[in-house]
Amino acid sequence: MSLPNILTLSRIVFAFFIVLLLLANTLAGHMAAAILFTIAAWTDFYDGYLAKRQGLISDFGKIMDPIADKVLMLAVFGVLAHLGMVLWWMVMVIAAREAAVTVSRLKAMARGRVLAAESAGKIKTVCQMLAIAAVLLFLIAEQSMFTAHWFYRAETAWRSLINVLMMASVFLTVVSGAMYFRDEWKNR
């Protein structure tokens, strides 16, 4: 198995540990989750970069890269909704789009076509990662004694930033899903 494919699969493993750390709901857990999430986010960039640079682009990578992204993002969004940091309806919209696109990709694969992620989907993923990063930083700041003196004055603004990033994530999720299905329909 090539290094890009190992990096892709590592995001699924990272998702499991990030969820466990977030559910611990401790400062140390949130900090460790933020570090692991940052590493996982970099693997998303780096696996594609390596695959292109070293000529290791594979059908496995084209299929598993978006699936690994979905597992990571939905697992983290789910636990953040459970913790009350993001709204469940937003997670459900994101999950519905991801499920529909994944099913469509699997059906295309059954017909012998492998569909790689498009640029709109990649932009959506970056926005989702930024939203998650903002929430993780909020959780760390909320529990850290080093930020306590200013955190409560900035809490409303920080929650507003999280809401804006989540709304942008939902919007981009819906738009990129619509673009995916439009292109899929045209290429039939």
N, C-alpha and C. Protein backbone atom coordinates (compact mmCIF):
# COMPACT_ATOMS: atom_id res chain seq x y z
N MET A 1 0.86 -1.17 0.00
CA MET A 1 0.00 0.00 0.00
C MET A 1 0.91 1.24 0.00
N SER A 2 0.54 2.22 -0.81
CA SER A 2 1.36 3.42 -0.96
C SER A 2 1.15 4.36 0.23
N LEU A 3 2.13 5.25 0.45
CA LEU A 3 2.05 6.23 1.53
C LEU A 3 0.81 7.12 1.41
N PRO A 4 0.46 7.63 0.22
CA PRO A 4 -0.77 8.44 0.14
C PRO A 4 -2.01 7.68 0.62
N ASN A 5 -2.10 6.39 0.28
CA ASN A 5 -3.26 5.60 0.72
C ASN A 5 -3.24 5.35 2.22
N ILE A 6 -2.05 5.17 2.79
CA ILE A 6 -1.93 5.02 4.24
C ILE A 6 -2.37 6.30 4.93
N LEU A 7 -1.94 7.45 4.41
CA LEU A 7 -2.36 8.74 4.98
C LEU A 7 -3.87 8.90 4.90
N THR A 8 -4.45 8.50 3.78
CA THR A 8 -5.91 8.58 3.62
C THR A 8 -6.60 7.75 4.70
N LEU A 9 -6.19 6.50 4.84
CA LEU A 9 -6.82 5.62 5.83
C LEU A 9 -6.57 6.07 7.27
N SER A 10 -5.48 6.78 7.49
CA SER A 10 -5.18 7.25 8.84
C SER A 10 -6.25 8.21 9.36
N ARG A 11 -6.92 8.92 8.46
CA ARG A 11 -7.98 9.86 8.90
C ARG A 11 -9.13 9.12 9.59
N ILE A 12 -9.41 7.91 9.16
CA ILE A 12 -10.46 7.11 9.80
C ILE A 12 -10.03 6.74 11.22
N VAL A 13 -8.78 6.36 11.38
CA VAL A 13 -8.25 6.04 12.71
C VAL A 13 -8.24 7.28 13.59
N PHE A 14 -7.78 8.40 13.03
CA PHE A 14 -7.78 9.66 13.78
C PHE A 14 -9.19 10.01 14.25
N ALA A 15 -10.19 9.80 13.40
CA ALA A 15 -11.57 10.13 13.76
C ALA A 15 -11.99 9.42 15.04
N PHE A 16 -11.66 8.14 15.13
CA PHE A 16 -12.02 7.35 16.31
C PHE A 16 -11.42 7.97 17.58
N PHE A 17 -10.13 8.28 17.54
CA PHE A 17 -9.46 8.83 18.72
C PHE A 17 -9.93 10.24 19.05
N ILE A 18 -10.21 11.04 18.03
CA ILE A 18 -10.70 12.40 18.26
C ILE A 18 -12.05 12.35 18.97
N VAL A 19 -12.92 11.46 18.54
CA VAL A 19 -14.23 11.32 19.19
C VAL A 19 -14.06 10.93 20.65
N LEU A 20 -13.21 9.95 20.92
CA LEU A 20 -12.99 9.54 22.32
C LEU A 20 -12.45 10.69 23.16
N LEU A 21 -11.51 11.43 22.63
CA LEU A 21 -10.92 12.55 23.37
C LEU A 21 -11.94 13.66 23.62
N LEU A 22 -12.77 13.95 22.64
CA LEU A 22 -13.78 14.99 22.82
C LEU A 22 -14.84 14.56 23.84
N LEU A 23 -15.20 13.29 23.80
CA LEU A 23 -16.21 12.81 24.75
C LEU A 23 -15.71 12.82 26.19
N ALA A 24 -14.39 12.78 26.38
CA ALA A 24 -13.83 12.90 27.73
C ALA A 24 -14.17 14.26 28.33
N ASN A 25 -14.36 15.26 27.46
CA ASN A 25 -14.77 16.61 27.83
C ASN A 25 -13.87 17.22 28.90
N THR A 26 -12.55 17.08 28.67
CA THR A 26 -11.56 17.67 29.56
C THR A 26 -10.66 18.59 28.73
N LEU A 27 -9.96 19.48 29.41
CA LEU A 27 -9.04 20.36 28.70
C LEU A 27 -7.97 19.55 27.97
N ALA A 28 -7.39 18.57 28.65
CA ALA A 28 -6.36 17.73 28.01
C ALA A 28 -6.94 16.98 26.81
N GLY A 29 -8.15 16.47 26.94
CA GLY A 29 -8.79 15.77 25.84
C GLY A 29 -9.05 16.69 24.66
N HIS A 30 -9.52 17.89 24.94
CA HIS A 30 -9.78 18.85 23.86
C HIS A 30 -8.49 19.26 23.16
N MET A 31 -7.43 19.46 23.95
CA MET A 31 -6.15 19.83 23.35
C MET A 31 -5.61 18.69 22.48
N ALA A 32 -5.68 17.47 22.98
CA ALA A 32 -5.21 16.33 22.20
C ALA A 32 -6.06 16.14 20.95
N ALA A 33 -7.37 16.33 21.08
CA ALA A 33 -8.27 16.22 19.92
C ALA A 33 -7.92 17.27 18.87
N ALA A 34 -7.62 18.48 19.32
CA ALA A 34 -7.25 19.56 18.38
C ALA A 34 -5.96 19.22 17.65
N ILE A 35 -4.99 18.66 18.36
CA ILE A 35 -3.72 18.27 17.73
C ILE A 35 -3.96 17.16 16.72
N LEU A 36 -4.71 16.14 17.11
CA LEU A 36 -4.98 15.04 16.18
C LEU A 36 -5.79 15.51 14.98
N PHE A 37 -6.74 16.42 15.21
CA PHE A 37 -7.54 16.93 14.09
C PHE A 37 -6.66 17.71 13.12
N THR A 38 -5.73 18.49 13.66
CA THR A 38 -4.82 19.24 12.80
C THR A 38 -3.97 18.29 11.96
N ILE A 39 -3.46 17.24 12.57
CA ILE A 39 -2.67 16.25 11.83
C ILE A 39 -3.54 15.59 10.76
N ALA A 40 -4.75 15.22 11.13
CA ALA A 40 -5.67 14.57 10.17
C ALA A 40 -5.97 15.51 9.00
N ALA A 41 -6.18 16.79 9.30
CA ALA A 41 -6.46 17.76 8.23
C ALA A 41 -5.26 17.87 7.28
N TRP A 42 -4.07 17.85 7.82
CA TRP A 42 -2.88 17.91 6.97
C TRP A 42 -2.73 16.66 6.12
N THR A 43 -3.14 15.51 6.64
CA THR A 43 -3.04 14.29 5.82
C THR A 43 -3.96 14.40 4.61
N ASP A 44 -5.06 15.13 4.76
CA ASP A 44 -5.98 15.32 3.63
C ASP A 44 -5.29 16.08 2.50
N PHE A 45 -4.52 17.08 2.84
CA PHE A 45 -3.77 17.80 1.82
C PHE A 45 -2.60 16.96 1.30
N TYR A 46 -1.87 16.40 2.23
CA TYR A 46 -0.61 15.77 1.89
C TYR A 46 -0.78 14.47 1.09
N ASP A 47 -1.85 13.71 1.34
CA ASP A 47 -2.01 12.46 0.58
C ASP A 47 -2.21 12.75 -0.91
N GLY A 48 -3.02 13.75 -1.22
CA GLY A 48 -3.23 14.11 -2.62
C GLY A 48 -1.98 14.69 -3.27
N TYR A 49 -1.28 15.53 -2.51
CA TYR A 49 -0.04 16.12 -3.00
C TYR A 49 0.99 15.04 -3.34
N LEU A 50 1.17 14.10 -2.41
CA LEU A 50 2.13 13.02 -2.64
C LEU A 50 1.72 12.14 -3.81
N ALA A 51 0.44 11.82 -3.87
CA ALA A 51 -0.04 10.94 -4.95
C ALA A 51 0.23 11.57 -6.32
N LYS A 52 -0.04 12.87 -6.44
CA LYS A 52 0.20 13.55 -7.72
C LYS A 52 1.68 13.68 -8.00
N ARG A 53 2.44 14.06 -7.01
CA ARG A 53 3.88 14.31 -7.18
C ARG A 53 4.63 13.04 -7.53
N GLN A 54 4.25 11.94 -6.91
CA GLN A 54 4.98 10.69 -7.11
C GLN A 54 4.30 9.75 -8.10
N GLY A 55 3.25 10.22 -8.75
CA GLY A 55 2.55 9.40 -9.73
C GLY A 55 1.86 8.19 -9.13
N LEU A 56 1.33 8.36 -7.91
CA LEU A 56 0.70 7.25 -7.20
C LEU A 56 -0.82 7.38 -7.12
N ILE A 57 -1.40 8.13 -8.04
CA ILE A 57 -2.85 8.28 -8.05
C ILE A 57 -3.47 6.92 -8.38
N SER A 58 -4.40 6.50 -7.55
CA SER A 58 -5.02 5.18 -7.74
C SER A 58 -6.53 5.29 -7.61
N ASP A 59 -7.22 4.29 -8.15
CA ASP A 59 -8.67 4.24 -7.98
C ASP A 59 -9.02 4.12 -6.50
N PHE A 60 -8.24 3.34 -5.76
CA PHE A 60 -8.46 3.21 -4.32
C PHE A 60 -8.41 4.58 -3.66
N GLY A 61 -7.39 5.36 -3.98
CA GLY A 61 -7.26 6.69 -3.40
C GLY A 61 -8.40 7.62 -3.80
N LYS A 62 -8.82 7.54 -5.06
CA LYS A 62 -9.92 8.38 -5.53
C LYS A 62 -11.21 8.07 -4.79
N ILE A 63 -11.39 6.80 -4.43
CA ILE A 63 -12.61 6.38 -3.72
C ILE A 63 -12.48 6.65 -2.23
N MET A 64 -11.36 6.25 -1.66
CA MET A 64 -11.21 6.31 -0.20
C MET A 64 -10.94 7.71 0.34
N ASP A 65 -10.30 8.58 -0.44
CA ASP A 65 -10.02 9.93 0.06
C ASP A 65 -11.29 10.66 0.47
N PRO A 66 -12.30 10.75 -0.39
CA PRO A 66 -13.52 11.43 0.06
C PRO A 66 -14.26 10.68 1.17
N ILE A 67 -14.18 9.35 1.17
CA ILE A 67 -14.83 8.59 2.23
C ILE A 67 -14.15 8.84 3.57
N ALA A 68 -12.82 8.85 3.58
CA ALA A 68 -12.08 9.13 4.82
C ALA A 68 -12.40 10.53 5.33
N ASP A 69 -12.52 11.50 4.39
CA ASP A 69 -12.91 12.86 4.78
C ASP A 69 -14.27 12.86 5.46
N LYS A 70 -15.20 12.14 4.86
CA LYS A 70 -16.57 12.10 5.39
C LYS A 70 -16.61 11.46 6.77
N VAL A 71 -15.89 10.36 6.94
CA VAL A 71 -15.85 9.70 8.24
C VAL A 71 -15.31 10.66 9.30
N LEU A 72 -14.19 11.31 8.99
CA LEU A 72 -13.58 12.25 9.93
C LEU A 72 -14.53 13.39 10.26
N MET A 73 -15.05 14.04 9.25
CA MET A 73 -15.87 15.23 9.47
C MET A 73 -17.18 14.88 10.17
N LEU A 74 -17.87 13.84 9.73
CA LEU A 74 -19.15 13.49 10.34
C LEU A 74 -18.98 12.99 11.78
N ALA A 75 -17.91 12.26 12.04
CA ALA A 75 -17.67 11.80 13.41
C ALA A 75 -17.45 12.99 14.34
N VAL A 76 -16.62 13.93 13.90
CA VAL A 76 -16.33 15.10 14.74
C VAL A 76 -17.56 16.00 14.86
N PHE A 77 -18.25 16.26 13.75
CA PHE A 77 -19.46 17.08 13.84
C PHE A 77 -20.50 16.43 14.75
N GLY A 78 -20.62 15.11 14.67
CA GLY A 78 -21.59 14.42 15.52
C GLY A 78 -21.30 14.61 17.00
N VAL A 79 -20.04 14.46 17.39
CA VAL A 79 -19.71 14.62 18.81
C VAL A 79 -19.81 16.10 19.22
N LEU A 80 -19.49 17.02 18.32
CA LEU A 80 -19.64 18.44 18.65
C LEU A 80 -21.12 18.81 18.82
N ALA A 81 -21.98 18.20 18.04
CA ALA A 81 -23.43 18.42 18.23
C ALA A 81 -23.87 17.82 19.56
N HIS A 82 -23.35 16.64 19.89
CA HIS A 82 -23.66 16.00 21.17
C HIS A 82 -23.23 16.90 22.34
N LEU A 83 -22.12 17.59 22.17
CA LEU A 83 -21.63 18.49 23.22
C LEU A 83 -22.33 19.85 23.21
N GLY A 84 -23.24 20.05 22.24
CA GLY A 84 -24.00 21.29 22.17
C GLY A 84 -23.26 22.44 21.50
N MET A 85 -22.20 22.14 20.78
CA MET A 85 -21.40 23.19 20.15
C MET A 85 -21.85 23.53 18.74
N VAL A 86 -22.49 22.61 18.06
CA VAL A 86 -23.06 22.87 16.75
C VAL A 86 -24.49 22.32 16.76
N LEU A 87 -25.29 22.84 15.86
CA LEU A 87 -26.70 22.43 15.81
C LEU A 87 -26.87 21.11 15.05
N TRP A 88 -27.74 20.26 15.60
CA TRP A 88 -27.96 18.95 14.99
C TRP A 88 -28.48 19.05 13.56
N TRP A 89 -29.34 20.03 13.27
CA TRP A 89 -29.89 20.10 11.91
C TRP A 89 -28.78 20.35 10.89
N MET A 90 -27.75 21.10 11.29
CA MET A 90 -26.63 21.35 10.39
C MET A 90 -25.88 20.04 10.11
N VAL A 91 -25.65 19.28 11.15
CA VAL A 91 -24.97 17.99 11.00
C VAL A 91 -25.80 17.07 10.11
N MET A 92 -27.11 17.09 10.28
CA MET A 92 -27.97 16.22 9.48
C MET A 92 -27.95 16.61 8.00
N VAL A 93 -27.93 17.90 7.70
CA VAL A 93 -27.85 18.35 6.30
C VAL A 93 -26.52 17.89 5.70
N ILE A 94 -25.45 18.10 6.44
CA ILE A 94 -24.13 17.68 5.96
C ILE A 94 -24.10 16.16 5.76
N ALA A 95 -24.62 15.42 6.72
CA ALA A 95 -24.62 13.95 6.62
C ALA A 95 -25.46 13.47 5.45
N ALA A 96 -26.61 14.09 5.21
CA ALA A 96 -27.46 13.68 4.09
C ALA A 96 -26.75 13.89 2.76
N ARG A 97 -26.09 15.02 2.60
CA ARG A 97 -25.35 15.30 1.35
C ARG A 97 -24.24 14.28 1.19
N GLU A 98 -23.49 14.04 2.26
CA GLU A 98 -22.35 13.13 2.17
C GLU A 98 -22.82 11.71 1.84
N ALA A 99 -23.92 11.29 2.44
CA ALA A 99 -24.44 9.95 2.15
C ALA A 99 -24.89 9.85 0.69
N ALA A 100 -25.59 10.87 0.20
CA ALA A 100 -26.09 10.84 -1.17
C ALA A 100 -24.93 10.80 -2.18
N VAL A 101 -23.91 11.60 -1.95
CA VAL A 101 -22.76 11.63 -2.87
C VAL A 101 -22.00 10.31 -2.80
N THR A 102 -21.83 9.77 -1.61
CA THR A 102 -21.11 8.50 -1.47
C THR A 102 -21.85 7.37 -2.17
N VAL A 103 -23.16 7.29 -2.00
CA VAL A 103 -23.95 6.27 -2.68
C VAL A 103 -23.83 6.44 -4.20
N SER A 104 -23.88 7.68 -4.67
CA SER A 104 -23.74 7.93 -6.10
C SER A 104 -22.38 7.48 -6.61
N ARG A 105 -21.33 7.78 -5.84
CA ARG A 105 -19.97 7.35 -6.25
C ARG A 105 -19.86 5.83 -6.29
N LEU A 106 -20.45 5.17 -5.31
CA LEU A 106 -20.39 3.70 -5.28
C LEU A 106 -21.16 3.10 -6.45
N LYS A 107 -22.30 3.70 -6.80
CA LYS A 107 -23.05 3.22 -7.97
C LYS A 107 -22.25 3.44 -9.24
N ALA A 108 -21.58 4.59 -9.35
CA ALA A 108 -20.75 4.85 -10.53
C ALA A 108 -19.60 3.84 -10.60
N MET A 109 -19.03 3.52 -9.44
CA MET A 109 -17.95 2.54 -9.39
C MET A 109 -18.44 1.17 -9.86
N ALA A 110 -19.66 0.81 -9.49
CA ALA A 110 -20.23 -0.47 -9.92
C ALA A 110 -20.40 -0.51 -11.43
N ARG A 111 -20.56 0.67 -12.04
CA ARG A 111 -20.68 0.76 -13.50
C ARG A 111 -19.33 0.95 -14.17
N GLY A 112 -18.24 0.89 -13.37
CA GLY A 112 -16.89 1.00 -13.93
C GLY A 112 -16.33 2.40 -13.98
N ARG A 113 -17.00 3.37 -13.37
CA ARG A 113 -16.50 4.75 -13.34
C ARG A 113 -16.06 5.09 -11.93
N VAL A 114 -14.89 5.70 -11.82
CA VAL A 114 -14.38 6.15 -10.53
C VAL A 114 -14.39 7.67 -10.55
N LEU A 115 -15.15 8.26 -9.65
CA LEU A 115 -15.30 9.71 -9.61
C LEU A 115 -14.47 10.29 -8.47
N ALA A 116 -13.50 11.11 -8.81
CA ALA A 116 -12.67 11.78 -7.80
C ALA A 116 -13.42 13.00 -7.27
N ALA A 117 -12.95 13.49 -6.14
CA ALA A 117 -13.54 14.70 -5.55
C ALA A 117 -13.28 15.90 -6.46
N GLU A 118 -14.27 16.76 -6.56
CA GLU A 118 -14.16 17.97 -7.37
C GLU A 118 -13.74 19.14 -6.50
N SER A 119 -13.39 20.26 -7.14
CA SER A 119 -12.88 21.42 -6.39
C SER A 119 -13.93 21.99 -5.44
N ALA A 120 -15.21 21.99 -5.81
CA ALA A 120 -16.24 22.52 -4.91
C ALA A 120 -16.32 21.68 -3.64
N GLY A 121 -16.18 20.38 -3.77
CA GLY A 121 -16.19 19.51 -2.60
C GLY A 121 -14.97 19.74 -1.72
N LYS A 122 -13.84 20.05 -2.34
CA LYS A 122 -12.63 20.32 -1.57
C LYS A 122 -12.75 21.63 -0.81
N ILE A 123 -13.34 22.64 -1.43
CA ILE A 123 -13.56 23.93 -0.75
C ILE A 123 -14.51 23.73 0.43
N LYS A 124 -15.54 22.94 0.22
CA LYS A 124 -16.48 22.61 1.29
C LYS A 124 -15.77 21.96 2.46
N THR A 125 -14.88 21.03 2.17
CA THR A 125 -14.15 20.33 3.23
C THR A 125 -13.26 21.30 4.01
N VAL A 126 -12.60 22.21 3.32
CA VAL A 126 -11.75 23.20 4.00
C VAL A 126 -12.60 24.07 4.93
N CYS A 127 -13.76 24.51 4.47
CA CYS A 127 -14.65 25.32 5.31
C CYS A 127 -15.10 24.53 6.54
N GLN A 128 -15.44 23.27 6.34
CA GLN A 128 -15.84 22.43 7.47
C GLN A 128 -14.69 22.26 8.46
N MET A 129 -13.48 22.10 7.95
CA MET A 129 -12.32 21.97 8.83
C MET A 129 -12.09 23.25 9.64
N LEU A 130 -12.29 24.40 9.00
CA LEU A 130 -12.14 25.67 9.72
C LEU A 130 -13.20 25.79 10.81
N ALA A 131 -14.42 25.36 10.53
CA ALA A 131 -15.49 25.42 11.53
C ALA A 131 -15.14 24.53 12.72
N ILE A 132 -14.66 23.33 12.44
CA ILE A 132 -14.29 22.42 13.52
C ILE A 132 -13.11 22.98 14.32
N ALA A 133 -12.13 23.55 13.63
CA ALA A 133 -10.98 24.14 14.32
C ALA A 133 -11.43 25.26 15.25
N ALA A 134 -12.37 26.09 14.80
CA ALA A 134 -12.88 27.18 15.65
C ALA A 134 -13.56 26.63 16.89
N VAL A 135 -14.34 25.56 16.73
CA VAL A 135 -15.01 24.96 17.88
C VAL A 135 -13.99 24.35 18.84
N LEU A 136 -12.99 23.66 18.31
CA LEU A 136 -11.98 23.06 19.17
C LEU A 136 -11.21 24.12 19.95
N LEU A 137 -10.87 25.22 19.29
CA LEU A 137 -10.19 26.31 20.00
C LEU A 137 -11.10 26.92 21.07
N PHE A 138 -12.38 27.03 20.77
CA PHE A 138 -13.34 27.53 21.75
C PHE A 138 -13.37 26.62 22.98
N LEU A 139 -13.44 25.32 22.75
CA LEU A 139 -13.49 24.37 23.86
C LEU A 139 -12.23 24.45 24.72
N ILE A 140 -11.09 24.61 24.07
CA ILE A 140 -9.83 24.74 24.81
C ILE A 140 -9.82 26.04 25.62
N ALA A 141 -10.18 27.13 24.97
CA ALA A 141 -10.18 28.43 25.66
C ALA A 141 -11.17 28.45 26.81
N GLU A 142 -12.31 27.81 26.62
CA GLU A 142 -13.35 27.78 27.65
C GLU A 142 -12.85 27.10 28.92
N GLN A 143 -12.01 26.10 28.79
CA GLN A 143 -11.58 25.34 29.97
C GLN A 143 -10.19 25.72 30.47
N SER A 144 -9.49 26.56 29.74
CA SER A 144 -8.13 26.89 30.12
C SER A 144 -8.09 28.02 31.14
N MET A 145 -7.29 27.87 32.17
CA MET A 145 -7.16 28.93 33.16
C MET A 145 -6.38 30.11 32.60
N PHE A 146 -5.62 29.90 31.54
CA PHE A 146 -4.84 30.98 30.95
C PHE A 146 -5.69 31.95 30.14
N THR A 147 -6.85 31.50 29.69
CA THR A 147 -7.72 32.37 28.89
C THR A 147 -8.95 32.83 29.65
N ALA A 148 -9.12 32.38 30.86
CA ALA A 148 -10.34 32.67 31.61
C ALA A 148 -10.61 34.16 31.75
N HIS A 149 -9.58 34.97 31.92
CA HIS A 149 -9.78 36.39 32.16
C HIS A 149 -10.38 37.13 30.96
N TRP A 150 -10.14 36.67 29.76
CA TRP A 150 -10.72 37.35 28.61
C TRP A 150 -11.77 36.51 27.88
N PHE A 151 -11.81 35.23 28.15
CA PHE A 151 -12.69 34.35 27.38
C PHE A 151 -14.15 34.76 27.49
N TYR A 152 -14.64 35.02 28.67
CA TYR A 152 -16.06 35.29 28.84
C TYR A 152 -16.50 36.59 28.19
N ARG A 153 -15.56 37.53 28.04
CA ARG A 153 -15.90 38.76 27.32
C ARG A 153 -16.00 38.51 25.82
N ALA A 154 -15.27 37.53 25.32
CA ALA A 154 -15.25 37.24 23.88
C ALA A 154 -16.14 36.07 23.50
N GLU A 155 -16.79 35.45 24.48
CA GLU A 155 -17.56 34.23 24.21
C GLU A 155 -18.65 34.44 23.16
N THR A 156 -19.39 35.52 23.25
CA THR A 156 -20.49 35.76 22.30
C THR A 156 -19.95 35.93 20.88
N ALA A 157 -18.87 36.69 20.75
CA ALA A 157 -18.29 36.89 19.42
C ALA A 157 -17.76 35.57 18.87
N TRP A 158 -17.15 34.76 19.72
CA TRP A 158 -16.59 33.48 19.29
C TRP A 158 -17.71 32.53 18.85
N ARG A 159 -18.80 32.49 19.62
CA ARG A 159 -19.93 31.65 19.22
C ARG A 159 -20.53 32.13 17.91
N SER A 160 -20.55 33.44 17.70
CA SER A 160 -21.04 33.99 16.42
C SER A 160 -20.15 33.55 15.27
N LEU A 161 -18.84 33.58 15.48
CA LEU A 161 -17.91 33.12 14.45
C LEU A 161 -18.16 31.65 14.12
N ILE A 162 -18.35 30.83 15.14
CA ILE A 162 -18.63 29.41 14.92
C ILE A 162 -19.91 29.26 14.12
N ASN A 163 -20.95 30.01 14.46
CA ASN A 163 -22.22 29.92 13.73
C ASN A 163 -22.06 30.34 12.27
N VAL A 164 -21.29 31.41 12.02
CA VAL A 164 -21.06 31.84 10.63
C VAL A 164 -20.31 30.77 9.86
N LEU A 165 -19.27 30.20 10.46
CA LEU A 165 -18.52 29.14 9.79
C LEU A 165 -19.39 27.91 9.54
N MET A 166 -20.25 27.58 10.48
CA MET A 166 -21.14 26.43 10.29
C MET A 166 -22.17 26.71 9.20
N MET A 167 -22.72 27.92 9.17
CA MET A 167 -23.68 28.26 8.11
C MET A 167 -22.99 28.21 6.75
N ALA A 168 -21.76 28.72 6.67
CA ALA A 168 -21.01 28.66 5.42
C ALA A 168 -20.75 27.20 5.03
N SER A 169 -20.43 26.37 6.02
CA SER A 169 -20.19 24.95 5.75
C SER A 169 -21.44 24.28 5.20
N VAL A 170 -22.58 24.55 5.82
CA VAL A 170 -23.84 23.96 5.35
C VAL A 170 -24.14 24.45 3.94
N PHE A 171 -24.00 25.75 3.71
CA PHE A 171 -24.26 26.32 2.38
C PHE A 171 -23.36 25.67 1.33
N LEU A 172 -22.06 25.62 1.60
CA LEU A 172 -21.12 25.02 0.64
C LEU A 172 -21.38 23.53 0.47
N THR A 173 -21.82 22.87 1.51
CA THR A 173 -22.15 21.45 1.42
C THR A 173 -23.31 21.24 0.45
N VAL A 174 -24.34 22.04 0.59
CA VAL A 174 -25.51 21.93 -0.29
C VAL A 174 -25.14 22.31 -1.72
N VAL A 175 -24.42 23.41 -1.90
CA VAL A 175 -24.05 23.86 -3.24
C VAL A 175 -23.14 22.85 -3.93
N SER A 176 -22.12 22.37 -3.21
CA SER A 176 -21.21 21.40 -3.84
C SER A 176 -21.94 20.09 -4.16
N GLY A 177 -22.90 19.70 -3.33
CA GLY A 177 -23.70 18.51 -3.62
C GLY A 177 -24.54 18.71 -4.87
N ALA A 178 -25.16 19.88 -4.98
CA ALA A 178 -25.96 20.18 -6.18
C ALA A 178 -25.08 20.18 -7.43
N MET A 179 -23.89 20.76 -7.32
CA MET A 179 -22.97 20.78 -8.46
C MET A 179 -22.52 19.36 -8.82
N TYR A 180 -22.26 18.54 -7.82
CA TYR A 180 -21.86 17.16 -8.08
C TYR A 180 -22.96 16.43 -8.86
N PHE A 181 -24.20 16.53 -8.40
CA PHE A 181 -25.29 15.80 -9.06
C PHE A 181 -25.61 16.39 -10.43
N ARG A 182 -25.45 17.70 -10.59
CA ARG A 182 -25.63 18.31 -11.91
C ARG A 182 -24.60 17.73 -12.89
N ASP A 183 -23.33 17.69 -12.46
CA ASP A 183 -22.28 17.16 -13.33
C ASP A 183 -22.47 15.67 -13.58
N GLU A 184 -22.86 14.95 -12.56
CA GLU A 184 -23.10 13.51 -12.70
C GLU A 184 -24.23 13.26 -13.72
N TRP A 185 -25.28 14.06 -13.64
CA TRP A 185 -26.40 13.91 -14.56
C TRP A 185 -25.98 14.20 -16.00
N LYS A 186 -25.15 15.26 -16.18
CA LYS A 186 -24.69 15.62 -17.53
C LYS A 186 -23.78 14.56 -18.13
N ASN A 187 -23.03 13.85 -17.29
CA ASN A 187 -22.05 12.87 -17.79
C ASN A 187 -22.61 11.47 -17.92
N ARG A 188 -23.89 11.30 -17.76
CA ARG A 188 -24.49 9.96 -17.92
C ARG A 188 -24.58 9.56 -19.36
